[in-house]
């Protein structure tokens, strides 16, 4: 298995959008109303929004390729691009998406390792993320690799307010 993690470029926007919609729908589609899911997908993965996010110098997108196939991606936020005020010594993992055919292969851990290396290169002291309180598998995974619950925040799926658990890990 050949694995490569590479920075996304502007010409990758359509693939980024496709993977985002596909993985989000597969992961959360059965647990949310079709109307709320559609509203969220239309908003979060709008091409203009993705282009703006990709153009932000304080955000980075990285593709995960496995044997030449796009298996998923990672979105990182620094400084004021973070979705919560966490300070300049923190880095947010806003998205870590892996397509279903590539799950359960240790690829999530590779993306976390990549995020940790980037954070260390930027002299960040902690990494953090938000995970839906009902996503037990992801919560268990993050706990297993050293993340701890530090809080919670509201997340909107369409017009439904949900809760994301904030989890963090000290890296330095």
N, C-alpha and C. Protein backbone atom coordinates (compact mmCIF):
# COMPACT_ATOMS: atom_id res chain seq x y z
N UNK A 1 0.85 -1.17 0.00
CA UNK A 1 0.00 0.00 0.00
C UNK A 1 0.89 1.24 0.00
N UNK A 2 0.70 2.10 -0.99
CA UNK A 2 1.45 3.34 -1.10
C UNK A 2 0.58 4.48 -0.59
N UNK A 3 1.07 5.19 0.42
CA UNK A 3 0.31 6.27 1.05
C UNK A 3 1.07 7.58 0.88
N UNK A 4 0.34 8.62 0.49
CA UNK A 4 0.92 9.94 0.34
C UNK A 4 -0.03 10.97 0.94
N UNK A 5 0.50 11.89 1.70
CA UNK A 5 -0.28 13.02 2.21
C UNK A 5 0.31 14.26 1.55
N UNK A 6 -0.55 14.99 0.83
CA UNK A 6 -0.06 16.15 0.08
C UNK A 6 -1.02 17.32 0.24
N UNK A 7 -0.48 18.49 0.14
CA UNK A 7 -1.27 19.71 0.30
C UNK A 7 -2.25 19.86 -0.85
N UNK A 8 -3.48 20.23 -0.55
CA UNK A 8 -4.49 20.48 -1.57
C UNK A 8 -4.19 21.81 -2.27
N UNK A 9 -4.47 21.86 -3.53
CA UNK A 9 -4.30 23.06 -4.33
C UNK A 9 -5.67 23.52 -4.83
N UNK A 10 -5.74 24.74 -5.35
CA UNK A 10 -7.04 25.27 -5.80
C UNK A 10 -7.68 24.43 -6.88
N UNK A 11 -6.88 23.79 -7.71
CA UNK A 11 -7.47 22.94 -8.75
C UNK A 11 -8.09 21.67 -8.18
N UNK A 12 -7.92 21.43 -6.89
CA UNK A 12 -8.48 20.26 -6.21
C UNK A 12 -9.85 20.53 -5.58
N UNK A 13 -10.40 21.72 -5.78
CA UNK A 13 -11.63 22.09 -5.08
C UNK A 13 -12.79 21.12 -5.31
N UNK A 14 -13.00 20.70 -6.54
CA UNK A 14 -14.13 19.80 -6.82
C UNK A 14 -13.96 18.46 -6.12
N UNK A 15 -12.75 17.93 -6.10
CA UNK A 15 -12.50 16.68 -5.40
C UNK A 15 -12.66 16.86 -3.90
N UNK A 16 -12.19 17.97 -3.37
CA UNK A 16 -12.35 18.28 -1.96
C UNK A 16 -13.84 18.32 -1.60
N UNK A 17 -14.62 19.00 -2.41
CA UNK A 17 -16.06 19.08 -2.19
C UNK A 17 -16.70 17.70 -2.24
N UNK A 18 -16.33 16.91 -3.24
CA UNK A 18 -16.89 15.57 -3.41
C UNK A 18 -16.61 14.69 -2.19
N UNK A 19 -15.37 14.68 -1.74
CA UNK A 19 -15.01 13.85 -0.59
C UNK A 19 -15.72 14.34 0.67
N UNK A 20 -15.80 15.65 0.85
CA UNK A 20 -16.47 16.20 2.02
C UNK A 20 -17.94 15.80 2.07
N UNK A 21 -18.64 15.98 0.97
CA UNK A 21 -20.06 15.63 0.91
C UNK A 21 -20.25 14.13 1.11
N UNK A 22 -19.47 13.33 0.40
CA UNK A 22 -19.60 11.88 0.48
C UNK A 22 -19.36 11.36 1.89
N UNK A 23 -18.28 11.75 2.50
CA UNK A 23 -17.94 11.21 3.82
C UNK A 23 -18.90 11.72 4.89
N UNK A 24 -19.29 12.99 4.80
CA UNK A 24 -20.22 13.52 5.80
C UNK A 24 -21.57 12.83 5.69
N UNK A 25 -22.06 12.65 4.46
CA UNK A 25 -23.35 11.98 4.25
C UNK A 25 -23.29 10.53 4.75
N UNK A 26 -22.22 9.81 4.44
CA UNK A 26 -22.10 8.42 4.88
C UNK A 26 -22.03 8.31 6.40
N UNK A 27 -21.36 9.25 7.02
CA UNK A 27 -21.16 9.19 8.47
C UNK A 27 -22.38 9.64 9.25
N UNK A 28 -23.05 10.69 8.79
CA UNK A 28 -24.11 11.30 9.60
C UNK A 28 -25.49 11.29 8.96
N UNK A 29 -25.60 10.79 7.73
CA UNK A 29 -26.87 10.82 7.01
C UNK A 29 -28.00 10.10 7.69
N UNK A 30 -27.73 8.94 8.27
CA UNK A 30 -28.79 8.15 8.90
C UNK A 30 -29.26 8.74 10.23
N UNK A 31 -28.49 9.64 10.81
CA UNK A 31 -28.80 10.18 12.13
C UNK A 31 -29.40 11.58 12.09
N UNK A 32 -29.64 12.09 10.89
CA UNK A 32 -30.18 13.43 10.73
C UNK A 32 -31.25 13.45 9.66
N UNK A 33 -32.14 14.42 9.76
CA UNK A 33 -33.21 14.51 8.75
C UNK A 33 -32.59 14.87 7.40
N UNK A 34 -33.20 14.39 6.32
CA UNK A 34 -32.69 14.74 4.99
C UNK A 34 -32.62 16.25 4.75
N UNK A 35 -33.58 17.00 5.29
CA UNK A 35 -33.62 18.44 5.10
C UNK A 35 -32.44 19.12 5.81
N UNK A 36 -32.20 18.72 7.06
CA UNK A 36 -31.08 19.32 7.80
C UNK A 36 -29.74 18.92 7.21
N UNK A 37 -29.63 17.66 6.77
CA UNK A 37 -28.39 17.21 6.15
C UNK A 37 -28.11 18.00 4.88
N UNK A 38 -29.13 18.15 4.03
CA UNK A 38 -28.96 18.90 2.79
C UNK A 38 -28.57 20.35 3.07
N UNK A 39 -29.24 20.97 4.04
CA UNK A 39 -28.94 22.37 4.37
C UNK A 39 -27.48 22.50 4.81
N UNK A 40 -27.01 21.57 5.64
CA UNK A 40 -25.63 21.63 6.10
C UNK A 40 -24.65 21.41 4.94
N UNK A 41 -24.89 20.38 4.14
CA UNK A 41 -23.98 20.07 3.03
C UNK A 41 -23.90 21.23 2.04
N UNK A 42 -25.06 21.82 1.73
CA UNK A 42 -25.08 22.95 0.79
C UNK A 42 -24.27 24.13 1.32
N UNK A 43 -24.32 24.34 2.61
CA UNK A 43 -23.62 25.47 3.22
C UNK A 43 -22.13 25.16 3.42
N UNK A 44 -21.82 24.03 4.05
CA UNK A 44 -20.44 23.72 4.43
C UNK A 44 -19.54 23.40 3.23
N UNK A 45 -20.11 22.84 2.19
CA UNK A 45 -19.30 22.40 1.06
C UNK A 45 -19.59 23.18 -0.23
N UNK A 46 -20.12 24.38 -0.06
CA UNK A 46 -20.30 25.29 -1.19
C UNK A 46 -18.92 25.61 -1.77
N UNK A 47 -18.79 25.57 -3.08
CA UNK A 47 -17.47 25.79 -3.71
C UNK A 47 -16.87 27.15 -3.37
N UNK A 48 -17.69 28.19 -3.32
CA UNK A 48 -17.16 29.52 -2.98
C UNK A 48 -16.63 29.52 -1.55
N UNK A 49 -17.34 28.85 -0.66
CA UNK A 49 -16.87 28.79 0.73
C UNK A 49 -15.57 28.00 0.83
N UNK A 50 -15.52 26.84 0.16
CA UNK A 50 -14.29 26.04 0.18
C UNK A 50 -13.11 26.81 -0.40
N UNK A 51 -13.36 27.56 -1.47
CA UNK A 51 -12.29 28.35 -2.08
C UNK A 51 -11.80 29.43 -1.11
N UNK A 52 -12.73 30.06 -0.39
CA UNK A 52 -12.35 31.07 0.59
C UNK A 52 -11.53 30.43 1.73
N UNK A 53 -11.98 29.26 2.20
CA UNK A 53 -11.25 28.56 3.26
C UNK A 53 -9.85 28.18 2.80
N UNK A 54 -9.76 27.69 1.56
CA UNK A 54 -8.47 27.28 1.04
C UNK A 54 -7.53 28.47 0.82
N UNK A 55 -8.09 29.64 0.56
CA UNK A 55 -7.29 30.84 0.34
C UNK A 55 -6.81 31.47 1.64
N UNK A 56 -7.36 31.05 2.76
CA UNK A 56 -6.97 31.60 4.05
C UNK A 56 -5.56 31.10 4.40
N UNK A 57 -4.61 32.00 4.59
CA UNK A 57 -3.24 31.55 4.90
C UNK A 57 -3.11 30.88 6.27
N UNK A 58 -4.15 30.96 7.09
CA UNK A 58 -4.13 30.33 8.41
C UNK A 58 -4.93 29.03 8.44
N UNK A 59 -5.21 28.49 7.26
CA UNK A 59 -5.86 27.17 7.14
C UNK A 59 -5.11 26.36 6.11
N UNK A 60 -5.11 25.05 6.29
CA UNK A 60 -4.46 24.14 5.33
C UNK A 60 -5.35 22.93 5.11
N UNK A 61 -5.38 22.46 3.88
CA UNK A 61 -6.05 21.21 3.52
C UNK A 61 -4.98 20.26 3.00
N UNK A 62 -5.08 19.00 3.40
CA UNK A 62 -4.14 17.97 2.93
C UNK A 62 -4.93 16.74 2.50
N UNK A 63 -4.67 16.28 1.28
CA UNK A 63 -5.27 15.04 0.79
C UNK A 63 -4.49 13.84 1.29
N UNK A 64 -5.20 12.77 1.50
CA UNK A 64 -4.62 11.47 1.80
C UNK A 64 -4.86 10.59 0.58
N UNK A 65 -3.79 10.17 -0.08
CA UNK A 65 -3.90 9.28 -1.25
C UNK A 65 -3.39 7.90 -0.87
N UNK A 66 -4.14 6.89 -1.26
CA UNK A 66 -3.75 5.50 -1.04
C UNK A 66 -3.74 4.81 -2.40
N UNK A 67 -2.58 4.35 -2.80
CA UNK A 67 -2.42 3.69 -4.10
C UNK A 67 -3.00 4.52 -5.24
N UNK A 68 -2.81 5.85 -5.15
CA UNK A 68 -3.26 6.74 -6.21
C UNK A 68 -4.71 7.18 -6.10
N UNK A 69 -5.46 6.68 -5.12
CA UNK A 69 -6.85 7.07 -4.94
C UNK A 69 -6.97 8.06 -3.79
N UNK A 70 -7.82 9.07 -3.97
CA UNK A 70 -8.07 10.04 -2.89
C UNK A 70 -8.89 9.34 -1.81
N UNK A 71 -8.27 9.10 -0.67
CA UNK A 71 -8.90 8.36 0.42
C UNK A 71 -9.56 9.27 1.44
N UNK A 72 -9.15 10.54 1.49
CA UNK A 72 -9.71 11.46 2.46
C UNK A 72 -8.92 12.74 2.51
N UNK A 73 -9.25 13.56 3.52
CA UNK A 73 -8.50 14.79 3.69
C UNK A 73 -8.55 15.29 5.11
N UNK A 74 -7.68 16.25 5.37
CA UNK A 74 -7.47 16.86 6.67
C UNK A 74 -7.55 18.37 6.48
N UNK A 75 -8.29 19.05 7.38
CA UNK A 75 -8.31 20.52 7.37
C UNK A 75 -7.81 21.01 8.72
N UNK A 76 -6.81 21.90 8.69
CA UNK A 76 -6.21 22.46 9.89
C UNK A 76 -6.42 23.96 9.93
N UNK A 77 -6.63 24.50 11.13
CA UNK A 77 -6.78 25.94 11.33
C UNK A 77 -5.82 26.42 12.40
N UNK A 78 -5.22 27.58 12.13
CA UNK A 78 -4.27 28.20 13.05
C UNK A 78 -4.77 29.58 13.44
N UNK A 79 -4.32 30.04 14.59
CA UNK A 79 -4.53 31.42 15.04
C UNK A 79 -6.02 31.79 14.94
N UNK A 80 -6.35 32.92 14.28
CA UNK A 80 -7.74 33.37 14.25
C UNK A 80 -8.62 32.61 13.26
N UNK A 81 -8.09 31.64 12.55
CA UNK A 81 -8.92 30.80 11.68
C UNK A 81 -9.60 29.68 12.47
N UNK A 82 -9.17 29.46 13.71
CA UNK A 82 -9.79 28.42 14.54
C UNK A 82 -11.27 28.76 14.76
N UNK A 83 -12.10 27.75 14.83
CA UNK A 83 -13.53 27.97 14.99
C UNK A 83 -13.92 28.31 16.43
N UNK A 84 -13.01 28.15 17.34
CA UNK A 84 -13.17 28.56 18.74
C UNK A 84 -11.90 29.31 19.15
N UNK A 85 -12.04 30.23 20.08
CA UNK A 85 -10.89 30.97 20.59
C UNK A 85 -10.08 30.05 21.49
N UNK A 86 -8.95 29.57 20.97
CA UNK A 86 -8.12 28.64 21.74
C UNK A 86 -6.71 29.18 21.95
N UNK A 87 -6.42 30.34 21.39
CA UNK A 87 -5.11 30.94 21.59
C UNK A 87 -4.12 30.61 20.49
N UNK A 88 -3.05 31.37 20.49
CA UNK A 88 -2.04 31.23 19.45
C UNK A 88 -1.18 29.98 19.61
N UNK A 89 -1.22 29.34 20.78
CA UNK A 89 -0.41 28.13 20.98
C UNK A 89 -1.18 26.86 20.61
N UNK A 90 -2.38 27.03 20.02
CA UNK A 90 -3.22 25.88 19.65
C UNK A 90 -3.42 25.80 18.14
N UNK A 91 -3.70 24.60 17.68
CA UNK A 91 -4.06 24.36 16.28
C UNK A 91 -5.29 23.47 16.27
N UNK A 92 -6.24 23.80 15.42
CA UNK A 92 -7.48 23.03 15.31
C UNK A 92 -7.42 22.05 14.15
N UNK A 93 -7.87 20.84 14.41
CA UNK A 93 -8.17 19.89 13.34
C UNK A 93 -9.67 20.03 13.10
N UNK A 94 -10.03 20.80 12.08
CA UNK A 94 -11.46 21.05 11.84
C UNK A 94 -12.12 19.86 11.14
N UNK A 95 -11.41 19.25 10.22
CA UNK A 95 -11.97 18.09 9.51
C UNK A 95 -10.90 17.02 9.37
N UNK A 96 -11.32 15.80 9.61
CA UNK A 96 -10.49 14.64 9.32
C UNK A 96 -11.46 13.62 8.73
N UNK A 97 -11.50 13.56 7.41
CA UNK A 97 -12.48 12.75 6.69
C UNK A 97 -11.76 11.64 5.93
N UNK A 98 -12.23 10.43 6.13
CA UNK A 98 -11.71 9.28 5.39
C UNK A 98 -12.88 8.55 4.76
N UNK A 99 -12.79 8.31 3.46
CA UNK A 99 -13.86 7.63 2.74
C UNK A 99 -14.04 6.20 3.27
N UNK A 100 -15.27 5.73 3.24
CA UNK A 100 -15.61 4.41 3.80
C UNK A 100 -14.72 3.27 3.34
N UNK A 101 -14.43 3.14 2.04
CA UNK A 101 -13.60 2.00 1.63
C UNK A 101 -12.19 1.99 2.23
N UNK A 102 -11.77 3.12 2.78
CA UNK A 102 -10.41 3.24 3.31
C UNK A 102 -10.35 3.24 4.84
N UNK A 103 -11.50 3.12 5.47
CA UNK A 103 -11.53 3.15 6.93
C UNK A 103 -11.04 1.83 7.51
N UNK A 104 -10.66 1.89 8.78
CA UNK A 104 -10.17 0.73 9.54
C UNK A 104 -8.83 0.21 9.02
N UNK A 105 -8.01 1.12 8.50
CA UNK A 105 -6.67 0.76 8.00
C UNK A 105 -5.57 1.54 8.70
N UNK A 106 -5.91 2.28 9.75
CA UNK A 106 -4.92 3.08 10.44
C UNK A 106 -4.64 4.42 9.80
N UNK A 107 -5.46 4.81 8.82
CA UNK A 107 -5.21 6.05 8.09
C UNK A 107 -5.57 7.28 8.91
N UNK A 108 -6.56 7.16 9.78
CA UNK A 108 -6.90 8.28 10.66
C UNK A 108 -5.72 8.64 11.54
N UNK A 109 -5.04 7.63 12.03
CA UNK A 109 -3.85 7.86 12.86
C UNK A 109 -2.76 8.56 12.06
N UNK A 110 -2.60 8.20 10.78
CA UNK A 110 -1.60 8.87 9.94
C UNK A 110 -1.92 10.35 9.77
N UNK A 111 -3.21 10.68 9.61
CA UNK A 111 -3.59 12.08 9.48
C UNK A 111 -3.38 12.84 10.79
N UNK A 112 -3.67 12.20 11.91
CA UNK A 112 -3.40 12.83 13.22
C UNK A 112 -1.90 13.05 13.38
N UNK A 113 -1.10 12.07 12.99
CA UNK A 113 0.36 12.23 13.07
C UNK A 113 0.84 13.38 12.19
N UNK A 114 0.26 13.52 11.00
CA UNK A 114 0.61 14.62 10.10
C UNK A 114 0.24 15.95 10.75
N UNK A 115 -0.96 16.02 11.32
CA UNK A 115 -1.41 17.24 11.99
C UNK A 115 -0.48 17.58 13.16
N UNK A 116 -0.10 16.58 13.92
CA UNK A 116 0.78 16.80 15.06
C UNK A 116 2.14 17.33 14.61
N UNK A 117 2.68 16.78 13.53
CA UNK A 117 3.97 17.24 13.00
C UNK A 117 3.87 18.69 12.52
N UNK A 118 2.79 19.03 11.86
CA UNK A 118 2.61 20.41 11.39
C UNK A 118 2.51 21.36 12.58
N UNK A 119 1.75 20.96 13.60
CA UNK A 119 1.61 21.78 14.80
C UNK A 119 2.97 21.99 15.47
N UNK A 120 3.74 20.93 15.58
CA UNK A 120 5.07 21.03 16.21
C UNK A 120 5.98 21.95 15.39
N UNK A 121 5.93 21.84 14.07
CA UNK A 121 6.73 22.72 13.21
C UNK A 121 6.37 24.19 13.40
N UNK A 122 5.12 24.43 13.75
CA UNK A 122 4.64 25.81 13.96
C UNK A 122 4.70 26.21 15.44
N UNK A 123 5.34 25.38 16.24
CA UNK A 123 5.55 25.65 17.66
C UNK A 123 4.24 25.77 18.45
N UNK A 124 3.26 24.97 18.06
CA UNK A 124 1.99 24.93 18.80
C UNK A 124 2.14 23.95 19.96
N UNK A 125 1.44 24.20 21.04
CA UNK A 125 1.55 23.36 22.22
C UNK A 125 0.42 22.36 22.35
N UNK A 126 -0.67 22.60 21.62
CA UNK A 126 -1.77 21.64 21.68
C UNK A 126 -2.53 21.63 20.36
N UNK A 127 -3.16 20.49 20.13
CA UNK A 127 -4.07 20.36 19.00
C UNK A 127 -5.44 20.03 19.58
N UNK A 128 -6.46 20.46 18.90
CA UNK A 128 -7.81 20.22 19.40
C UNK A 128 -8.77 20.01 18.23
N UNK A 129 -9.93 19.47 18.56
CA UNK A 129 -10.96 19.22 17.56
C UNK A 129 -12.32 19.15 18.24
N UNK A 130 -13.36 19.25 17.45
CA UNK A 130 -14.72 19.06 17.92
C UNK A 130 -15.25 17.78 17.29
N UNK A 131 -15.95 16.97 18.08
CA UNK A 131 -16.51 15.72 17.58
C UNK A 131 -17.93 15.59 18.13
N UNK A 132 -18.85 15.21 17.26
CA UNK A 132 -20.25 15.10 17.64
C UNK A 132 -20.40 14.15 18.82
N UNK A 133 -21.15 14.56 19.82
CA UNK A 133 -21.31 13.77 21.04
C UNK A 133 -21.86 12.37 20.80
N UNK A 134 -22.52 12.15 19.66
CA UNK A 134 -23.08 10.83 19.35
C UNK A 134 -22.15 9.98 18.49
N UNK A 135 -20.99 10.49 18.16
CA UNK A 135 -20.04 9.75 17.32
C UNK A 135 -19.09 8.97 18.24
N UNK A 136 -19.63 7.91 18.84
CA UNK A 136 -18.89 7.14 19.84
C UNK A 136 -17.59 6.55 19.32
N UNK A 137 -17.60 6.08 18.08
CA UNK A 137 -16.38 5.49 17.51
C UNK A 137 -15.25 6.50 17.41
N UNK A 138 -15.57 7.70 16.94
CA UNK A 138 -14.54 8.74 16.82
C UNK A 138 -14.05 9.18 18.20
N UNK A 139 -14.97 9.34 19.13
CA UNK A 139 -14.57 9.74 20.49
C UNK A 139 -13.62 8.71 21.09
N UNK A 140 -13.95 7.44 20.94
CA UNK A 140 -13.08 6.38 21.47
C UNK A 140 -11.71 6.41 20.80
N UNK A 141 -11.68 6.62 19.49
CA UNK A 141 -10.41 6.71 18.75
C UNK A 141 -9.56 7.85 19.29
N UNK A 142 -10.16 9.02 19.43
CA UNK A 142 -9.39 10.18 19.90
C UNK A 142 -8.89 9.98 21.33
N UNK A 143 -9.72 9.38 22.18
CA UNK A 143 -9.28 9.10 23.54
C UNK A 143 -8.11 8.11 23.55
N UNK A 144 -8.19 7.12 22.70
CA UNK A 144 -7.14 6.10 22.62
C UNK A 144 -5.77 6.70 22.27
N UNK A 145 -5.79 7.78 21.47
CA UNK A 145 -4.51 8.37 21.06
C UNK A 145 -4.16 9.63 21.87
N UNK A 146 -4.82 9.79 23.02
CA UNK A 146 -4.38 10.81 23.96
C UNK A 146 -5.17 12.10 24.04
N UNK A 147 -6.26 12.21 23.30
CA UNK A 147 -7.10 13.41 23.41
C UNK A 147 -7.98 13.28 24.65
N UNK A 148 -8.24 14.41 25.30
CA UNK A 148 -9.13 14.43 26.46
C UNK A 148 -10.20 15.49 26.23
N UNK A 149 -11.35 15.25 26.81
CA UNK A 149 -12.45 16.19 26.70
C UNK A 149 -12.11 17.45 27.50
N UNK A 150 -12.29 18.61 26.85
CA UNK A 150 -12.00 19.88 27.53
C UNK A 150 -13.20 20.81 27.53
N UNK A 151 -14.28 20.45 26.84
CA UNK A 151 -15.45 21.31 26.78
C UNK A 151 -16.43 20.84 25.72
N UNK A 152 -17.31 21.75 25.33
CA UNK A 152 -18.30 21.44 24.30
C UNK A 152 -18.73 22.76 23.65
N UNK A 153 -19.27 22.65 22.46
CA UNK A 153 -19.85 23.82 21.80
C UNK A 153 -21.01 23.39 20.92
N UNK A 154 -21.84 24.36 20.57
CA UNK A 154 -23.00 24.09 19.72
C UNK A 154 -22.54 23.93 18.27
N UNK A 155 -23.23 23.04 17.59
CA UNK A 155 -22.99 22.78 16.17
C UNK A 155 -24.37 22.69 15.54
N UNK A 156 -24.57 23.36 14.41
CA UNK A 156 -25.88 23.33 13.77
C UNK A 156 -25.87 22.45 12.54
N UNK A 157 -26.81 21.50 12.55
CA UNK A 157 -27.08 20.65 11.39
C UNK A 157 -28.40 21.17 10.84
N UNK A 158 -28.28 22.05 9.83
CA UNK A 158 -29.49 22.72 9.35
C UNK A 158 -30.01 23.60 10.47
N UNK A 159 -31.27 23.36 10.88
CA UNK A 159 -31.84 24.18 11.96
C UNK A 159 -31.82 23.46 13.31
N UNK A 160 -31.15 22.31 13.37
CA UNK A 160 -31.09 21.55 14.62
C UNK A 160 -29.77 21.81 15.34
N UNK A 161 -29.88 22.26 16.58
CA UNK A 161 -28.68 22.46 17.39
C UNK A 161 -28.22 21.12 17.94
N UNK A 162 -26.95 20.81 17.75
CA UNK A 162 -26.34 19.60 18.27
C UNK A 162 -25.12 20.00 19.11
N UNK A 163 -24.52 19.03 19.78
CA UNK A 163 -23.38 19.33 20.64
C UNK A 163 -22.14 18.61 20.13
N UNK A 164 -21.09 19.37 19.96
CA UNK A 164 -19.77 18.82 19.67
C UNK A 164 -18.95 18.84 20.95
N UNK A 165 -18.32 17.73 21.25
CA UNK A 165 -17.40 17.67 22.37
C UNK A 165 -16.06 18.21 21.87
N UNK A 166 -15.46 19.09 22.63
CA UNK A 166 -14.12 19.59 22.30
C UNK A 166 -13.12 18.71 23.01
N UNK A 167 -12.17 18.19 22.23
CA UNK A 167 -11.13 17.32 22.75
C UNK A 167 -9.78 17.92 22.37
N UNK A 168 -8.82 17.82 23.27
CA UNK A 168 -7.50 18.41 23.03
C UNK A 168 -6.40 17.47 23.47
N UNK A 169 -5.23 17.72 22.93
CA UNK A 169 -4.05 16.92 23.25
C UNK A 169 -2.85 17.86 23.30
N UNK A 170 -2.08 17.79 24.36
CA UNK A 170 -0.85 18.55 24.46
C UNK A 170 0.22 17.85 23.64
N UNK A 171 1.01 18.64 22.88
CA UNK A 171 2.01 18.00 22.02
C UNK A 171 3.43 18.41 22.37
N UNK A 172 3.63 19.47 23.14
CA UNK A 172 4.99 19.88 23.50
C UNK A 172 5.17 19.89 24.98
